[in-house]
Amino acid sequence: MSIDWMKVKKYLKKNWDIIEMRYYTGVKEGDQKMAKYLRYFDRIGVVTVTKPLKRIKTKDGFIFKSNFDVEMTTDILLDRTDLDEIMLFSGDSDFHYLVNKIHSLGKRMVVFSSRKMLSWELKLAADKYIFLEDIRKQIVRKKR
C-alpha cells in the first residue's frame, strides 16, 4: 500500500489534536527522487528528520539501511512534556521499551502498523493500535 501522507495528516487531525508530524528517513547522496519526496513533506507541513543511509556489504552485494529507533525515542522523550498522546507509525518491537516508559510518565501511545509488521510486544503494550489496512480508504495514495 502506498500511503498519501497528506491524507494521513487529515485523518489524524480529524481524530486528534495534532501538534506536529515527523517523518524519519535515510537519504542516499544525490538521490533526486528522495529530495523531491522530502520537498513534498515540507509542502504539507511534515517535519523530516534525515541521515545518510549506511552501505552494508552482504553475501549478495550491498544493501542500504538506516535505523531511527534511537532518534525517534530520544525526540519523543524530549518532547513528552508537551504531549498527552503519541502516535507511532511502526510495528517494531524495539519500541516496546519506549511505550512502557511513556506509560510510566502518564502518557498514552497509539500505534499504527500493518497487520504483518506489528510485533506482538508492541500490540500488547500500546494503548490502542490501528491497522493501516483498516483505514486504507482514508490514507491510500491513488495511482495516477
N, C-alpha and C. Protein backbone atom coordinates (compact mmCIF):
# COMPACT_ATOMS: atom_id res chain seq x y z
N MET A 1 0.86 -1.17 0.00
CA MET A 1 0.00 0.00 0.00
C MET A 1 0.91 1.23 0.00
N SER A 2 0.61 2.14 -0.88
CA SER A 2 1.34 3.41 -0.96
C SER A 2 0.54 4.46 -0.19
N ILE A 3 1.19 5.08 0.79
CA ILE A 3 0.49 6.00 1.69
C ILE A 3 0.58 7.43 1.19
N ASP A 4 -0.56 8.12 1.24
CA ASP A 4 -0.62 9.55 0.94
C ASP A 4 -0.53 10.27 2.29
N TRP A 5 0.61 10.87 2.56
CA TRP A 5 0.85 11.45 3.88
C TRP A 5 -0.02 12.67 4.15
N MET A 6 -0.46 13.35 3.13
CA MET A 6 -1.41 14.46 3.33
C MET A 6 -2.73 13.90 3.85
N LYS A 7 -3.15 12.76 3.31
CA LYS A 7 -4.37 12.11 3.79
C LYS A 7 -4.20 11.61 5.21
N VAL A 8 -3.01 11.11 5.53
CA VAL A 8 -2.73 10.67 6.90
C VAL A 8 -2.86 11.85 7.85
N LYS A 9 -2.29 12.97 7.45
CA LYS A 9 -2.35 14.18 8.28
C LYS A 9 -3.80 14.60 8.50
N LYS A 10 -4.62 14.57 7.45
CA LYS A 10 -6.04 14.91 7.59
C LYS A 10 -6.75 13.92 8.50
N TYR A 11 -6.46 12.64 8.34
CA TYR A 11 -7.05 11.60 9.19
C TYR A 11 -6.71 11.85 10.66
N LEU A 12 -5.44 12.12 10.93
CA LEU A 12 -5.01 12.36 12.31
C LEU A 12 -5.67 13.61 12.89
N LYS A 13 -5.70 14.69 12.10
CA LYS A 13 -6.28 15.95 12.58
C LYS A 13 -7.78 15.82 12.84
N LYS A 14 -8.43 14.94 12.10
CA LYS A 14 -9.86 14.72 12.29
C LYS A 14 -10.13 14.00 13.61
N ASN A 15 -9.18 13.17 14.05
CA ASN A 15 -9.38 12.34 15.23
C ASN A 15 -8.61 12.77 16.47
N TRP A 16 -7.59 13.61 16.31
CA TRP A 16 -6.76 14.05 17.42
C TRP A 16 -6.35 15.50 17.20
N ASP A 17 -5.89 16.12 18.26
CA ASP A 17 -5.34 17.47 18.19
C ASP A 17 -3.84 17.32 17.95
N ILE A 18 -3.44 17.41 16.70
CA ILE A 18 -2.05 17.14 16.31
C ILE A 18 -1.20 18.41 16.42
N ILE A 19 -0.10 18.31 17.15
CA ILE A 19 0.83 19.42 17.28
C ILE A 19 1.84 19.42 16.13
N GLU A 20 2.39 18.24 15.85
CA GLU A 20 3.43 18.13 14.83
C GLU A 20 3.50 16.70 14.32
N MET A 21 3.84 16.57 13.05
CA MET A 21 4.10 15.26 12.45
C MET A 21 5.55 15.24 12.00
N ARG A 22 6.21 14.10 12.26
CA ARG A 22 7.60 13.93 11.83
C ARG A 22 7.73 12.66 11.00
N TYR A 23 8.62 12.74 10.02
CA TYR A 23 8.92 11.59 9.16
C TYR A 23 10.42 11.38 9.19
N TYR A 24 10.84 10.20 9.59
CA TYR A 24 12.25 9.86 9.72
C TYR A 24 12.66 8.97 8.55
N THR A 25 13.77 9.32 7.87
CA THR A 25 14.20 8.51 6.73
C THR A 25 15.68 8.69 6.43
N GLY A 26 16.26 7.63 5.93
CA GLY A 26 17.64 7.68 5.46
C GLY A 26 17.68 8.21 4.04
N VAL A 27 18.80 8.87 3.71
CA VAL A 27 18.93 9.51 2.40
C VAL A 27 20.26 9.10 1.77
N LYS A 28 20.18 8.69 0.50
CA LYS A 28 21.38 8.39 -0.28
C LYS A 28 21.87 9.68 -0.93
N GLU A 29 23.16 9.91 -0.91
CA GLU A 29 23.71 11.13 -1.50
C GLU A 29 23.33 11.24 -2.98
N GLY A 30 22.83 12.41 -3.35
CA GLY A 30 22.47 12.67 -4.75
C GLY A 30 21.16 12.06 -5.21
N ASP A 31 20.37 11.52 -4.31
CA ASP A 31 19.09 10.89 -4.66
C ASP A 31 18.03 11.97 -4.90
N GLN A 32 17.82 12.32 -6.16
CA GLN A 32 16.89 13.39 -6.50
C GLN A 32 15.43 13.00 -6.25
N LYS A 33 15.13 11.72 -6.41
CA LYS A 33 13.76 11.26 -6.14
C LYS A 33 13.42 11.46 -4.66
N MET A 34 14.37 11.14 -3.78
CA MET A 34 14.14 11.34 -2.35
C MET A 34 14.09 12.83 -2.02
N ALA A 35 14.92 13.62 -2.67
CA ALA A 35 14.90 15.08 -2.44
C ALA A 35 13.52 15.65 -2.78
N LYS A 36 12.93 15.16 -3.86
CA LYS A 36 11.58 15.60 -4.26
C LYS A 36 10.55 15.16 -3.21
N TYR A 37 10.71 13.94 -2.72
CA TYR A 37 9.81 13.40 -1.68
C TYR A 37 9.90 14.25 -0.41
N LEU A 38 11.10 14.64 -0.03
CA LEU A 38 11.29 15.46 1.17
C LEU A 38 10.70 16.85 0.98
N ARG A 39 10.76 17.40 -0.24
CA ARG A 39 10.12 18.70 -0.51
C ARG A 39 8.60 18.58 -0.37
N TYR A 40 8.04 17.44 -0.79
CA TYR A 40 6.61 17.17 -0.62
C TYR A 40 6.23 17.26 0.86
N PHE A 41 7.00 16.62 1.74
CA PHE A 41 6.73 16.68 3.17
C PHE A 41 6.79 18.11 3.67
N ASP A 42 7.75 18.87 3.19
CA ASP A 42 7.87 20.27 3.59
C ASP A 42 6.62 21.06 3.18
N ARG A 43 6.15 20.80 1.96
CA ARG A 43 4.96 21.49 1.45
C ARG A 43 3.72 21.20 2.28
N ILE A 44 3.59 19.97 2.76
CA ILE A 44 2.37 19.61 3.52
C ILE A 44 2.55 19.81 5.03
N GLY A 45 3.68 20.35 5.44
CA GLY A 45 3.88 20.68 6.84
C GLY A 45 4.29 19.52 7.73
N VAL A 46 5.01 18.56 7.17
CA VAL A 46 5.53 17.44 7.95
C VAL A 46 7.04 17.66 8.12
N VAL A 47 7.50 17.64 9.36
CA VAL A 47 8.92 17.82 9.65
C VAL A 47 9.66 16.54 9.29
N THR A 48 10.75 16.67 8.53
CA THR A 48 11.54 15.49 8.18
C THR A 48 12.83 15.47 8.99
N VAL A 49 13.20 14.28 9.39
CA VAL A 49 14.46 14.05 10.09
C VAL A 49 15.22 13.03 9.24
N THR A 50 16.40 13.41 8.78
CA THR A 50 17.14 12.55 7.86
C THR A 50 18.56 12.30 8.36
N LYS A 51 19.14 11.25 7.81
CA LYS A 51 20.56 10.97 7.99
C LYS A 51 20.99 10.11 6.81
N PRO A 52 22.30 10.08 6.55
CA PRO A 52 22.77 9.28 5.40
C PRO A 52 22.49 7.79 5.61
N LEU A 53 22.12 7.14 4.51
CA LEU A 53 21.97 5.69 4.54
C LEU A 53 23.33 5.04 4.71
N LYS A 54 23.38 3.93 5.42
CA LYS A 54 24.62 3.15 5.54
C LYS A 54 24.64 2.13 4.41
N ARG A 55 25.81 1.94 3.83
CA ARG A 55 26.01 0.92 2.80
C ARG A 55 26.61 -0.30 3.49
N ILE A 56 25.88 -1.39 3.51
CA ILE A 56 26.28 -2.59 4.23
C ILE A 56 26.52 -3.74 3.25
N LYS A 57 27.69 -4.34 3.36
CA LYS A 57 28.05 -5.46 2.48
C LYS A 57 27.35 -6.73 2.94
N THR A 58 26.77 -7.44 1.98
CA THR A 58 26.14 -8.73 2.24
C THR A 58 26.76 -9.77 1.32
N LYS A 59 26.39 -11.02 1.48
CA LYS A 59 26.92 -12.07 0.59
C LYS A 59 26.47 -11.88 -0.85
N ASP A 60 25.35 -11.15 -1.03
CA ASP A 60 24.82 -10.92 -2.37
C ASP A 60 25.20 -9.56 -2.94
N GLY A 61 26.01 -8.79 -2.23
CA GLY A 61 26.37 -7.46 -2.70
C GLY A 61 26.27 -6.45 -1.58
N PHE A 62 25.48 -5.38 -1.81
CA PHE A 62 25.32 -4.34 -0.81
C PHE A 62 23.84 -4.02 -0.61
N ILE A 63 23.52 -3.61 0.60
CA ILE A 63 22.20 -3.07 0.88
C ILE A 63 22.39 -1.71 1.54
N PHE A 64 21.38 -0.87 1.44
CA PHE A 64 21.40 0.42 2.10
C PHE A 64 20.41 0.36 3.26
N LYS A 65 20.83 0.90 4.40
CA LYS A 65 20.00 0.79 5.59
C LYS A 65 20.13 2.03 6.46
N SER A 66 19.02 2.39 7.08
CA SER A 66 19.07 3.41 8.13
C SER A 66 18.17 2.94 9.25
N ASN A 67 18.52 3.30 10.46
CA ASN A 67 17.75 2.90 11.61
C ASN A 67 17.54 4.13 12.47
N PHE A 68 16.31 4.44 12.81
CA PHE A 68 15.99 5.66 13.55
C PHE A 68 15.40 5.40 14.92
N ASP A 69 15.50 4.18 15.43
CA ASP A 69 14.91 3.88 16.74
C ASP A 69 15.39 4.83 17.83
N VAL A 70 16.70 5.06 17.87
CA VAL A 70 17.27 5.91 18.93
C VAL A 70 16.82 7.35 18.75
N GLU A 71 16.85 7.86 17.53
CA GLU A 71 16.45 9.24 17.27
C GLU A 71 14.97 9.46 17.60
N MET A 72 14.13 8.54 17.17
CA MET A 72 12.70 8.67 17.43
C MET A 72 12.42 8.62 18.94
N THR A 73 13.03 7.67 19.61
CA THR A 73 12.84 7.53 21.05
C THR A 73 13.31 8.79 21.78
N THR A 74 14.48 9.27 21.41
CA THR A 74 15.01 10.48 22.05
C THR A 74 14.09 11.66 21.83
N ASP A 75 13.66 11.87 20.59
CA ASP A 75 12.78 13.01 20.29
C ASP A 75 11.47 12.92 21.06
N ILE A 76 10.89 11.74 21.12
CA ILE A 76 9.62 11.57 21.84
C ILE A 76 9.81 11.84 23.33
N LEU A 77 10.87 11.32 23.90
CA LEU A 77 11.09 11.54 25.34
C LEU A 77 11.43 12.99 25.65
N LEU A 78 12.15 13.67 24.76
CA LEU A 78 12.46 15.08 24.99
C LEU A 78 11.21 15.96 24.88
N ASP A 79 10.27 15.57 24.02
CA ASP A 79 9.05 16.35 23.79
C ASP A 79 7.89 15.92 24.68
N ARG A 80 8.08 14.97 25.52
CA ARG A 80 6.98 14.34 26.28
C ARG A 80 6.17 15.31 27.12
N THR A 81 6.76 16.36 27.61
CA THR A 81 6.01 17.26 28.49
C THR A 81 4.91 18.01 27.74
N ASP A 82 5.08 18.16 26.42
CA ASP A 82 4.09 18.86 25.61
C ASP A 82 3.00 17.94 25.08
N LEU A 83 3.11 16.65 25.34
CA LEU A 83 2.24 15.67 24.71
C LEU A 83 1.43 14.87 25.73
N ASP A 84 0.20 14.56 25.36
CA ASP A 84 -0.62 13.65 26.17
C ASP A 84 -0.64 12.26 25.54
N GLU A 85 -0.60 12.26 24.21
CA GLU A 85 -0.73 11.02 23.45
C GLU A 85 0.22 11.10 22.26
N ILE A 86 0.91 10.01 22.00
CA ILE A 86 1.87 9.96 20.89
C ILE A 86 1.38 8.95 19.88
N MET A 87 1.45 9.31 18.60
CA MET A 87 1.10 8.40 17.52
C MET A 87 2.41 7.88 16.93
N LEU A 88 2.57 6.59 16.87
CA LEU A 88 3.78 5.98 16.35
C LEU A 88 3.42 5.13 15.14
N PHE A 89 4.04 5.42 14.02
CA PHE A 89 3.84 4.62 12.82
C PHE A 89 4.99 3.63 12.70
N SER A 90 4.85 2.51 13.37
CA SER A 90 5.86 1.45 13.34
C SER A 90 5.26 0.23 14.03
N GLY A 91 5.74 -0.92 13.66
CA GLY A 91 5.34 -2.14 14.34
C GLY A 91 6.52 -2.80 15.03
N ASP A 92 7.65 -2.12 15.05
CA ASP A 92 8.92 -2.65 15.53
C ASP A 92 8.89 -2.89 17.05
N SER A 93 9.23 -4.11 17.45
CA SER A 93 9.24 -4.46 18.87
C SER A 93 10.28 -3.65 19.66
N ASP A 94 11.25 -3.05 18.99
CA ASP A 94 12.24 -2.22 19.68
C ASP A 94 11.58 -1.05 20.41
N PHE A 95 10.38 -0.65 19.97
CA PHE A 95 9.70 0.48 20.60
C PHE A 95 8.89 0.07 21.84
N HIS A 96 8.90 -1.21 22.17
CA HIS A 96 8.19 -1.70 23.34
C HIS A 96 8.66 -0.97 24.60
N TYR A 97 9.96 -0.83 24.78
CA TYR A 97 10.50 -0.13 25.95
C TYR A 97 10.02 1.32 25.99
N LEU A 98 10.02 1.99 24.84
CA LEU A 98 9.55 3.37 24.77
C LEU A 98 8.09 3.47 25.21
N VAL A 99 7.25 2.58 24.74
CA VAL A 99 5.84 2.61 25.11
C VAL A 99 5.69 2.47 26.62
N ASN A 100 6.43 1.55 27.21
CA ASN A 100 6.37 1.38 28.66
C ASN A 100 6.86 2.62 29.39
N LYS A 101 7.89 3.26 28.89
CA LYS A 101 8.41 4.49 29.50
C LYS A 101 7.38 5.61 29.38
N ILE A 102 6.74 5.71 28.23
CA ILE A 102 5.69 6.73 28.02
C ILE A 102 4.55 6.51 29.02
N HIS A 103 4.16 5.26 29.22
CA HIS A 103 3.10 4.94 30.19
C HIS A 103 3.51 5.35 31.60
N SER A 104 4.77 5.10 31.96
CA SER A 104 5.24 5.45 33.31
C SER A 104 5.22 6.95 33.54
N LEU A 105 5.19 7.72 32.46
CA LEU A 105 5.12 9.18 32.55
C LEU A 105 3.69 9.70 32.45
N GLY A 106 2.72 8.77 32.44
CA GLY A 106 1.31 9.15 32.40
C GLY A 106 0.81 9.54 31.02
N LYS A 107 1.50 9.10 30.00
CA LYS A 107 1.13 9.43 28.61
C LYS A 107 0.58 8.18 27.92
N ARG A 108 -0.07 8.42 26.79
CA ARG A 108 -0.65 7.31 26.01
C ARG A 108 0.07 7.16 24.68
N MET A 109 0.08 5.93 24.15
CA MET A 109 0.72 5.66 22.86
C MET A 109 -0.25 4.92 21.95
N VAL A 110 -0.47 5.49 20.78
CA VAL A 110 -1.28 4.85 19.74
C VAL A 110 -0.33 4.40 18.64
N VAL A 111 -0.41 3.14 18.27
CA VAL A 111 0.49 2.56 17.27
C VAL A 111 -0.29 2.30 15.99
N PHE A 112 0.29 2.75 14.88
CA PHE A 112 -0.23 2.48 13.55
C PHE A 112 0.74 1.55 12.86
N SER A 113 0.24 0.45 12.32
CA SER A 113 1.10 -0.52 11.65
C SER A 113 0.26 -1.41 10.75
N SER A 114 0.93 -2.09 9.84
CA SER A 114 0.21 -3.10 9.06
C SER A 114 0.08 -4.35 9.93
N ARG A 115 -0.87 -5.18 9.61
CA ARG A 115 -1.07 -6.42 10.37
C ARG A 115 0.19 -7.27 10.38
N LYS A 116 0.86 -7.36 9.24
CA LYS A 116 2.04 -8.22 9.11
C LYS A 116 3.23 -7.68 9.89
N MET A 117 3.31 -6.39 10.08
CA MET A 117 4.51 -5.79 10.68
C MET A 117 4.38 -5.47 12.17
N LEU A 118 3.19 -5.56 12.74
CA LEU A 118 3.01 -5.21 14.15
C LEU A 118 3.49 -6.35 15.05
N SER A 119 4.52 -6.09 15.84
CA SER A 119 5.04 -7.11 16.75
C SER A 119 4.03 -7.33 17.88
N TRP A 120 4.01 -8.52 18.41
CA TRP A 120 3.07 -8.82 19.49
C TRP A 120 3.39 -7.99 20.73
N GLU A 121 4.70 -7.69 20.97
CA GLU A 121 5.07 -6.89 22.14
C GLU A 121 4.48 -5.49 22.06
N LEU A 122 4.57 -4.89 20.89
CA LEU A 122 4.04 -3.54 20.70
C LEU A 122 2.51 -3.55 20.74
N LYS A 123 1.93 -4.58 20.17
CA LYS A 123 0.47 -4.71 20.17
C LYS A 123 -0.07 -4.77 21.59
N LEU A 124 0.58 -5.52 22.45
CA LEU A 124 0.14 -5.66 23.84
C LEU A 124 0.42 -4.40 24.66
N ALA A 125 1.49 -3.68 24.34
CA ALA A 125 1.89 -2.52 25.13
C ALA A 125 1.11 -1.25 24.78
N ALA A 126 0.74 -1.10 23.52
CA ALA A 126 0.08 0.14 23.07
C ALA A 126 -1.28 0.33 23.74
N ASP A 127 -1.63 1.59 23.96
CA ASP A 127 -2.97 1.88 24.48
C ASP A 127 -4.02 1.56 23.44
N LYS A 128 -3.62 1.77 22.19
CA LYS A 128 -4.51 1.49 21.06
C LYS A 128 -3.62 1.20 19.86
N TYR A 129 -4.05 0.28 19.02
CA TYR A 129 -3.33 0.06 17.77
C TYR A 129 -4.33 0.10 16.63
N ILE A 130 -3.89 0.64 15.54
CA ILE A 130 -4.74 0.79 14.36
C ILE A 130 -4.00 0.17 13.18
N PHE A 131 -4.65 -0.77 12.55
CA PHE A 131 -4.06 -1.39 11.36
C PHE A 131 -4.25 -0.48 10.16
N LEU A 132 -3.18 -0.25 9.44
CA LEU A 132 -3.24 0.60 8.25
C LEU A 132 -4.26 0.07 7.24
N GLU A 133 -4.39 -1.24 7.19
CA GLU A 133 -5.36 -1.85 6.28
C GLU A 133 -6.79 -1.43 6.62
N ASP A 134 -7.06 -1.19 7.89
CA ASP A 134 -8.41 -0.82 8.34
C ASP A 134 -8.76 0.63 8.00
N ILE A 135 -7.76 1.46 7.77
CA ILE A 135 -8.01 2.87 7.40
C ILE A 135 -7.51 3.14 5.98
N ARG A 136 -7.35 2.10 5.23
CA ARG A 136 -6.80 2.17 3.88
C ARG A 136 -7.49 3.23 3.00
N LYS A 137 -8.82 3.23 3.01
CA LYS A 137 -9.56 4.16 2.16
C LYS A 137 -9.25 5.61 2.50
N GLN A 138 -8.96 5.89 3.77
CA GLN A 138 -8.69 7.27 4.19
C GLN A 138 -7.25 7.71 3.91
N ILE A 139 -6.30 6.74 3.73
CA ILE A 139 -4.89 7.13 3.65
C ILE A 139 -4.14 6.69 2.39
N VAL A 140 -4.77 5.87 1.57
CA VAL A 140 -4.06 5.31 0.41
C VAL A 140 -3.85 6.38 -0.67
N ARG A 141 -2.71 6.31 -1.31
CA ARG A 141 -2.40 7.22 -2.41
C ARG A 141 -2.99 6.62 -3.69
N LYS A 142 -3.75 7.43 -4.38
CA LYS A 142 -4.37 6.98 -5.65
C LYS A 142 -3.30 6.92 -6.73
N LYS A 143 -3.37 5.88 -7.53
CA LYS A 143 -2.43 5.76 -8.65
C LYS A 143 -2.82 6.73 -9.75
N ARG A 144 -1.83 7.29 -10.37
CA ARG A 144 -2.09 8.27 -11.45
C ARG A 144 -2.36 7.57 -12.76
